[in-house]
Amino acid sequence: MKLQKASRCFGVMLIFALIAWVLLISLPKEKHHLAITHNFGIGFDLSPSYATVAVSYPNGSIQQIARVDGDRAYREMMLRLSLPTSQHLHKPYRNLGDSISDIPRQIWRDTRKKMGLPSSKDVGTLSNMIYALRARATCYVGEPVSAAAISIPHLTALYGDDLRDAFEYLSLFYLEFFPFSNFHPLPASIASYAGNGLGLCEDYRDDAACAEEELNIPSQFALTVGYTHTSLTTSQAHVSSAYYIEATPTLENLRLEYDTRHEESYWETVRHMLQSPVIDSPVSRNISMVLLFGDATEVPRFRGVLGAVINEVLGGQVQIVDQQPEFSASKGVAELAKRAIFRQGWIQDVSSEL
């Protein structure tokens, strides 16, 4: 008898919970009006174990602001998102079937949003880091930061919809650079390319001249290298304008702990990853640039290994681009953000569904 009564109570509770959930997901999304309130650009760059933030002012000054080290949750998330097993369906979809198959995940994300929560655990972790970066930027510039842009390393399962949701959760406007590729995240390699003053017109206020200048930027092939005290990523990229980059599949190792650098196998791994994008490429290309970014690219032993690879594999005649490698990506994002804000009319009211 008691078991039957308990079963009925559980059934009633389950029905009420189901009804409450249906009512919750049927509620319309609340629209929040976000306003871009400043004409300077704020750029965030997420590295596997830390993140940086920079600002670009209309007068041409670009300043690094701060570095924020990732906590354990952040580092574990980035490592997990580097694994092929973490891949899932995501926007932009390849076909209608993918869109339909992803509906349950999107419903669950929308449910969490309507409960005032981040749309996923990863979005919550990303939000914590972005919140810290925005706080440092707000303190530095002396006014609230209402809009920003972000770059990321090439991780196989770090998607643009998570970044957008993290910005929405923080009521921060997400600046977009690829109008025809929604949810396409900005890679750290192209951000660092821009942060070194490459691929951009001189006077962004003159639309016609700027467009013509960027259209005529010579294209070239580059070896891009992101090296930190916990990771190494390498790729071969075709670069010209900072709004265009074509990269071959990237090699990434987020378990390359610098503490093990005294082991010869460590440097053998580094050597292999540096030369692989060149010697394992199905097409032989004339690489004329090596683009470096990350907080460990100035380590002498690393430079020695890189120099050997350049001499042996690239023939020694390449341009090394490595200005302020720890902050070059966030500085490039900040510059792109400033230009995006200008092209949108300095200050713009934007409706964001949260």
Protein backbone atom coordinates (compact mmCIF):
# COMPACT_ATOMS: atom_id res chain seq x y z
CA MET A 1 0.00 0.00 0.00
CA LYS A 2 2.74 2.41 0.97
CA LEU A 3 4.61 1.51 -2.23
CA GLN A 4 1.54 2.29 -4.34
CA LYS A 5 1.08 5.62 -2.57
CA ALA A 6 4.74 6.53 -3.05
CA SER A 7 4.48 5.58 -6.73
CA ARG A 8 1.43 7.81 -7.20
CA CYS A 9 3.19 10.72 -5.48
CA PHE A 10 6.23 10.26 -7.66
CA GLY A 11 4.05 10.12 -10.77
CA VAL A 12 2.25 13.33 -9.81
CA MET A 13 5.54 15.10 -9.13
CA LEU A 14 6.90 13.88 -12.47
CA ILE A 15 3.84 15.21 -14.31
CA PHE A 16 4.09 18.59 -12.59
CA ALA A 17 7.83 18.76 -13.41
CA LEU A 18 7.11 17.92 -17.05
CA ILE A 19 4.37 20.57 -17.25
CA ALA A 20 6.67 23.16 -15.66
CA TRP A 21 9.42 22.30 -18.14
CA VAL A 22 7.07 22.55 -21.14
CA LEU A 23 5.82 25.93 -19.90
CA LEU A 24 9.39 27.11 -19.37
CA ILE A 25 10.62 26.21 -22.85
CA SER A 26 7.47 27.68 -24.43
CA LEU A 27 8.15 31.10 -22.95
CA PRO A 28 9.48 33.59 -25.52
CA LYS A 29 13.11 34.55 -25.20
CA GLU A 30 13.63 37.79 -23.32
CA LYS A 31 15.22 40.43 -25.52
CA HIS A 32 17.93 42.57 -24.00
CA HIS A 33 19.02 45.70 -25.82
CA LEU A 34 22.81 45.89 -25.84
CA ALA A 35 24.51 49.11 -26.84
CA ILE A 36 28.06 49.60 -28.09
CA THR A 37 29.02 52.58 -25.94
CA HIS A 38 32.67 53.15 -26.86
CA ASN A 39 34.76 53.65 -29.99
CA PHE A 40 37.86 51.78 -28.80
CA GLY A 41 38.30 48.08 -29.44
CA ILE A 42 38.71 45.44 -26.74
CA GLY A 43 40.28 42.12 -27.70
CA PHE A 44 40.38 38.86 -25.75
CA ASP A 45 42.60 35.91 -26.66
CA LEU A 46 42.11 32.50 -25.08
CA SER A 47 45.22 30.33 -24.84
CA PRO A 48 45.10 26.75 -23.52
CA SER A 49 46.21 27.74 -19.99
CA TYR A 50 45.77 31.52 -19.80
CA ALA A 51 44.10 34.44 -21.57
CA THR A 52 45.08 38.02 -22.42
CA VAL A 53 43.24 41.26 -23.09
CA ALA A 54 44.28 44.39 -25.01
CA VAL A 55 42.76 47.69 -26.19
CA SER A 56 43.08 49.60 -29.45
CA TYR A 57 42.24 53.32 -29.42
CA PRO A 58 41.10 55.42 -32.43
CA ASN A 59 44.35 57.41 -32.28
CA GLY A 60 46.27 54.28 -33.30
CA SER A 61 47.57 53.34 -29.85
CA ILE A 62 47.30 49.62 -29.02
CA GLN A 63 47.99 48.64 -25.42
CA GLN A 64 48.27 45.30 -23.69
CA ILE A 65 46.16 45.28 -20.53
CA ALA A 66 46.50 42.05 -18.58
CA ARG A 67 47.06 38.33 -18.55
CA VAL A 68 44.70 36.08 -16.58
CA ASP A 69 45.86 32.57 -15.74
CA GLY A 70 43.24 29.89 -16.15
CA ASP A 71 42.05 27.93 -13.14
CA ARG A 72 41.89 24.16 -13.06
CA ALA A 73 38.40 24.03 -14.59
CA TYR A 74 39.52 26.24 -17.49
CA ARG A 75 42.66 24.21 -18.22
CA GLU A 76 40.79 20.91 -18.04
CA MET A 77 38.08 22.24 -20.35
CA MET A 78 40.60 23.41 -22.96
CA LEU A 79 42.40 20.06 -22.83
CA ARG A 80 39.12 18.17 -23.23
CA LEU A 81 38.01 20.37 -26.13
CA SER A 82 41.23 19.52 -27.96
CA LEU A 83 40.17 15.87 -28.17
CA PRO A 84 38.28 14.48 -31.18
CA THR A 85 35.99 12.61 -28.77
CA SER A 86 34.60 15.97 -27.61
CA GLN A 87 33.22 16.88 -31.03
CA HIS A 88 29.47 17.27 -31.48
CA LEU A 89 26.98 18.80 -33.89
CA HIS A 90 27.18 22.57 -33.91
CA LYS A 91 26.37 25.69 -35.87
CA PRO A 92 26.84 26.36 -38.74
CA TYR A 93 25.26 23.08 -39.80
CA ARG A 94 26.42 21.22 -42.88
CA ASN A 95 22.91 20.13 -43.84
CA LEU A 96 19.29 19.96 -42.67
CA GLY A 97 19.86 16.58 -41.05
CA ASP A 98 22.49 18.03 -38.71
CA SER A 99 20.13 20.86 -37.80
CA ILE A 100 17.34 18.44 -36.89
CA SER A 101 19.65 16.10 -34.98
CA ASP A 102 20.94 19.01 -32.87
CA ILE A 103 17.46 20.11 -31.74
CA PRO A 104 17.54 18.24 -28.37
CA ARG A 105 20.88 19.86 -27.44
CA GLN A 106 19.61 23.29 -28.44
CA ILE A 107 16.40 22.81 -26.42
CA TRP A 108 18.47 21.93 -23.35
CA ARG A 109 20.68 24.99 -23.87
CA ASP A 110 17.63 27.24 -24.24
CA THR A 111 16.13 25.75 -21.08
CA ARG A 112 19.23 26.58 -19.07
CA LYS A 113 19.25 30.12 -20.48
CA LYS A 114 15.65 30.69 -19.42
CA MET A 115 16.59 29.52 -15.92
CA GLY A 116 19.26 32.24 -15.81
CA LEU A 117 22.11 29.73 -16.18
CA PRO A 118 24.91 29.48 -18.74
CA SER A 119 23.75 27.31 -21.64
CA SER A 120 26.29 24.60 -20.71
CA LYS A 121 29.02 23.85 -18.20
CA ASP A 122 31.68 24.85 -20.74
CA VAL A 123 29.90 28.15 -21.39
CA GLY A 124 29.97 28.78 -17.64
CA THR A 125 33.73 28.17 -17.55
CA LEU A 126 34.28 30.42 -20.56
CA SER A 127 32.08 33.09 -18.97
CA ASN A 128 34.22 33.11 -15.84
CA MET A 129 37.37 33.78 -17.87
CA ILE A 130 35.73 36.40 -20.10
CA TYR A 131 34.26 38.11 -17.03
CA ALA A 132 37.76 38.39 -15.52
CA LEU A 133 39.18 39.78 -18.77
CA ARG A 134 36.39 42.35 -19.08
CA ALA A 135 36.92 43.42 -15.47
CA ARG A 136 40.62 44.07 -16.15
CA ALA A 137 39.73 46.01 -19.30
CA THR A 138 37.06 48.09 -17.57
CA CYS A 139 39.51 49.06 -14.85
CA TYR A 140 42.17 49.97 -17.42
CA VAL A 141 40.04 52.11 -19.75
CA GLY A 142 38.07 53.72 -16.93
CA GLU A 143 34.59 52.95 -18.26
CA PRO A 144 32.35 49.90 -18.74
CA VAL A 145 33.24 47.62 -21.63
CA SER A 146 30.08 46.90 -23.62
CA ALA A 147 31.50 45.15 -26.69
CA ALA A 148 34.52 42.97 -27.40
CA ALA A 149 35.93 40.37 -29.76
CA ILE A 150 37.75 37.14 -29.04
CA SER A 151 40.25 34.75 -30.63
CA ILE A 152 40.90 31.12 -29.77
CA PRO A 153 43.49 28.42 -30.47
CA HIS A 154 42.57 25.74 -32.98
CA LEU A 155 40.79 23.23 -30.75
CA THR A 156 38.72 20.60 -32.46
CA ALA A 157 35.67 21.06 -30.19
CA LEU A 158 35.71 24.75 -29.19
CA TYR A 159 32.83 26.18 -31.19
CA GLY A 160 31.54 29.64 -31.95
CA ASP A 161 28.11 29.05 -30.40
CA ASP A 162 29.73 28.50 -26.99
CA LEU A 163 31.64 31.78 -27.31
CA ARG A 164 28.50 33.64 -28.35
CA ASP A 165 26.51 32.16 -25.47
CA ALA A 166 29.24 33.17 -23.00
CA PHE A 167 29.08 36.77 -24.28
CA GLU A 168 25.27 36.74 -24.10
CA TYR A 169 25.33 35.42 -20.55
CA LEU A 170 27.53 38.40 -19.59
CA SER A 171 25.38 40.88 -21.61
CA LEU A 172 28.45 41.66 -23.71
CA PHE A 173 28.08 42.34 -27.43
CA TYR A 174 29.96 39.82 -29.57
CA LEU A 175 31.77 41.54 -32.44
CA GLU A 176 31.79 39.53 -35.67
CA PHE A 177 34.40 39.74 -38.44
CA PHE A 178 33.15 37.13 -40.91
CA PRO A 179 29.69 38.30 -42.03
CA PHE A 180 29.21 35.34 -44.36
CA SER A 181 30.43 32.70 -41.88
CA ASN A 182 28.24 32.99 -38.80
CA PHE A 183 29.63 31.28 -35.70
CA HIS A 184 33.10 31.12 -37.26
CA PRO A 185 35.54 31.82 -34.39
CA LEU A 186 38.58 34.00 -34.99
CA PRO A 187 41.73 31.82 -34.83
CA ALA A 188 44.66 33.02 -32.74
CA SER A 189 46.94 32.76 -35.77
CA ILE A 190 45.07 35.38 -37.80
CA ALA A 191 44.65 37.55 -34.69
CA SER A 192 48.40 37.45 -34.11
CA TYR A 193 48.98 38.23 -37.79
CA ALA A 194 46.89 41.41 -37.36
CA GLY A 195 48.55 42.11 -34.00
CA ASN A 196 51.88 42.33 -35.79
CA GLY A 197 50.47 45.07 -38.02
CA LEU A 198 49.99 42.79 -41.03
CA GLY A 199 47.04 42.30 -43.35
CA LEU A 200 45.29 45.59 -42.55
CA CYS A 201 44.90 48.87 -44.42
CA GLU A 202 46.56 51.96 -42.99
CA ASP A 203 43.49 54.24 -42.77
CA TYR A 204 40.43 52.19 -41.83
CA ARG A 205 38.25 55.34 -41.87
CA ASP A 206 38.46 55.55 -45.67
CA ASP A 207 36.29 52.62 -46.76
CA ALA A 208 37.10 52.72 -50.48
CA ALA A 209 40.85 53.17 -50.08
CA CYS A 210 40.95 50.61 -47.29
CA ALA A 211 39.12 47.98 -49.34
CA GLU A 212 41.43 48.49 -52.31
CA GLU A 213 44.56 48.40 -50.15
CA GLU A 214 43.55 45.17 -48.40
CA LEU A 215 42.54 43.60 -51.72
CA ASN A 216 46.07 44.15 -53.03
CA ILE A 217 47.96 42.80 -50.02
CA PRO A 218 50.32 40.11 -51.39
CA SER A 219 49.39 36.59 -50.38
CA GLN A 220 51.96 34.20 -48.97
CA PHE A 221 52.27 30.94 -47.10
CA ALA A 222 53.21 30.90 -43.44
CA LEU A 223 54.11 28.40 -40.75
CA THR A 224 52.07 29.45 -37.71
CA VAL A 225 53.35 28.39 -34.28
CA GLY A 226 51.54 28.89 -30.98
CA TYR A 227 53.87 27.86 -28.14
CA THR A 228 53.04 28.20 -24.44
CA HIS A 229 54.35 26.58 -21.27
CA THR A 230 51.65 23.92 -21.58
CA SER A 231 50.99 23.52 -25.29
CA LEU A 232 52.14 23.70 -28.90
CA THR A 233 50.00 24.20 -31.99
CA THR A 234 51.33 24.41 -35.55
CA SER A 235 49.82 24.76 -39.00
CA GLN A 236 50.56 25.88 -42.53
CA ALA A 237 48.46 28.88 -43.53
CA HIS A 238 47.76 30.94 -46.61
CA VAL A 239 47.61 34.58 -45.50
CA SER A 240 46.94 37.92 -47.16
CA SER A 241 44.30 40.24 -45.70
CA ALA A 242 43.72 39.85 -41.96
CA TYR A 243 40.10 39.03 -42.81
CA TYR A 244 41.16 35.98 -44.76
CA ILE A 245 43.14 32.92 -43.76
CA GLU A 246 43.21 29.40 -45.06
CA ALA A 247 44.94 26.90 -42.79
CA THR A 248 45.66 23.23 -43.25
CA PRO A 249 44.65 20.90 -40.38
CA THR A 250 46.46 22.02 -37.26
CA LEU A 251 48.67 19.88 -35.05
CA GLU A 252 47.94 20.48 -31.38
CA ASN A 253 49.43 19.12 -28.18
CA LEU A 254 48.02 20.47 -24.93
CA ARG A 255 49.98 18.02 -22.78
CA LEU A 256 53.40 19.40 -23.72
CA GLU A 257 54.37 20.47 -20.21
CA TYR A 258 57.41 22.78 -20.16
CA ASP A 259 58.43 21.20 -16.85
CA THR A 260 59.51 18.12 -18.84
CA ARG A 261 61.74 20.12 -21.20
CA HIS A 262 64.88 18.44 -19.86
CA GLU A 263 63.74 15.18 -21.45
CA GLU A 264 65.03 14.77 -25.00
CA SER A 265 61.67 13.36 -26.10
CA TYR A 266 60.13 16.75 -25.31
CA TRP A 267 62.25 18.54 -27.89
CA GLU A 268 61.84 15.71 -30.40
CA THR A 269 58.08 16.27 -30.15
CA VAL A 270 58.58 20.00 -30.65
CA ARG A 271 60.78 19.40 -33.70
CA HIS A 272 58.29 17.00 -35.24
CA MET A 273 55.36 19.39 -34.76
CA LEU A 274 57.30 22.32 -36.22
CA GLN A 275 58.31 20.52 -39.39
CA SER A 276 55.23 18.34 -39.94
CA PRO A 277 52.97 21.06 -41.48
CA VAL A 278 55.67 21.52 -44.14
CA ILE A 279 57.03 18.04 -44.88
CA ASP A 280 53.70 16.22 -44.46
CA SER A 281 51.73 18.65 -46.62
CA PRO A 282 50.26 16.98 -49.73
CA VAL A 283 51.18 20.12 -51.71
CA SER A 284 54.65 21.66 -51.70
CA ARG A 285 54.44 25.40 -51.07
CA ASN A 286 56.93 28.22 -50.74
CA ILE A 287 56.67 29.22 -47.07
CA SER A 288 58.09 32.71 -46.60
CA MET A 289 56.91 33.55 -43.06
CA VAL A 290 57.01 31.99 -39.60
CA LEU A 291 54.38 33.52 -37.32
CA LEU A 292 55.00 33.01 -33.59
CA PHE A 293 52.61 33.63 -30.70
CA GLY A 294 52.36 32.45 -27.11
CA ASP A 295 54.20 33.08 -23.85
CA ALA A 296 57.05 30.59 -24.42
CA THR A 297 58.16 31.47 -27.96
CA GLU A 298 61.20 33.38 -26.67
CA VAL A 299 62.66 30.37 -24.80
CA PRO A 300 66.26 29.98 -26.10
CA ARG A 301 66.11 26.19 -26.59
CA PHE A 302 62.86 26.52 -28.52
CA ARG A 303 64.44 29.15 -30.75
CA GLY A 304 67.33 26.81 -31.39
CA VAL A 305 65.06 23.97 -32.46
CA LEU A 306 62.97 26.35 -34.58
CA GLY A 307 66.12 27.72 -36.23
CA ALA A 308 67.26 24.20 -37.12
CA VAL A 309 63.86 23.39 -38.65
CA ILE A 310 63.91 26.64 -40.65
CA ASN A 311 67.35 25.83 -42.04
CA GLU A 312 66.68 22.18 -42.77
CA VAL A 313 63.09 22.32 -44.03
CA LEU A 314 62.48 25.90 -45.18
CA GLY A 315 65.88 26.69 -46.65
CA GLY A 316 66.63 29.38 -44.06
CA GLN A 317 65.12 32.28 -46.01
CA VAL A 318 61.96 33.21 -44.12
CA GLN A 319 60.57 36.22 -42.25
CA ILE A 320 60.06 35.58 -38.53
CA VAL A 321 57.10 37.57 -37.17
CA ASP A 322 57.14 37.64 -33.38
CA GLN A 323 56.38 41.06 -31.87
CA GLN A 324 55.16 40.74 -28.26
CA PRO A 325 54.08 37.13 -28.85
CA GLU A 326 52.26 36.76 -25.51
CA PHE A 327 49.88 39.62 -26.38
CA SER A 328 50.03 39.76 -30.18
CA ALA A 329 46.75 37.87 -30.63
CA SER A 330 44.73 39.98 -28.17
CA LYS A 331 46.23 43.16 -29.67
CA GLY A 332 45.22 42.01 -33.13
CA VAL A 333 41.69 41.23 -31.93
CA ALA A 334 41.48 44.66 -30.30
CA GLU A 335 42.48 46.35 -33.57
CA LEU A 336 39.92 44.33 -35.53
CA ALA A 337 37.30 45.13 -32.89
CA LYS A 338 37.96 48.87 -33.17
CA ARG A 339 37.56 48.72 -36.93
CA ALA A 340 34.37 46.68 -36.65
CA ILE A 341 32.84 49.21 -34.27
CA PHE A 342 33.73 52.05 -36.64
CA ARG A 343 32.17 50.28 -39.61
CA GLN A 344 29.00 49.68 -37.60
CA GLY A 345 28.62 53.39 -36.93
CA TRP A 346 30.57 53.83 -33.63
CA ILE A 347 27.58 53.26 -31.35
CA GLN A 348 24.80 50.87 -32.23
CA ASP A 349 21.78 49.47 -30.40
CA VAL A 350 21.63 45.73 -30.82
CA SER A 351 18.87 43.32 -29.81
CA SER A 352 20.28 40.17 -28.23
CA GLU A 353 18.17 37.19 -27.26
CA LEU A 354 19.19 35.92 -23.86
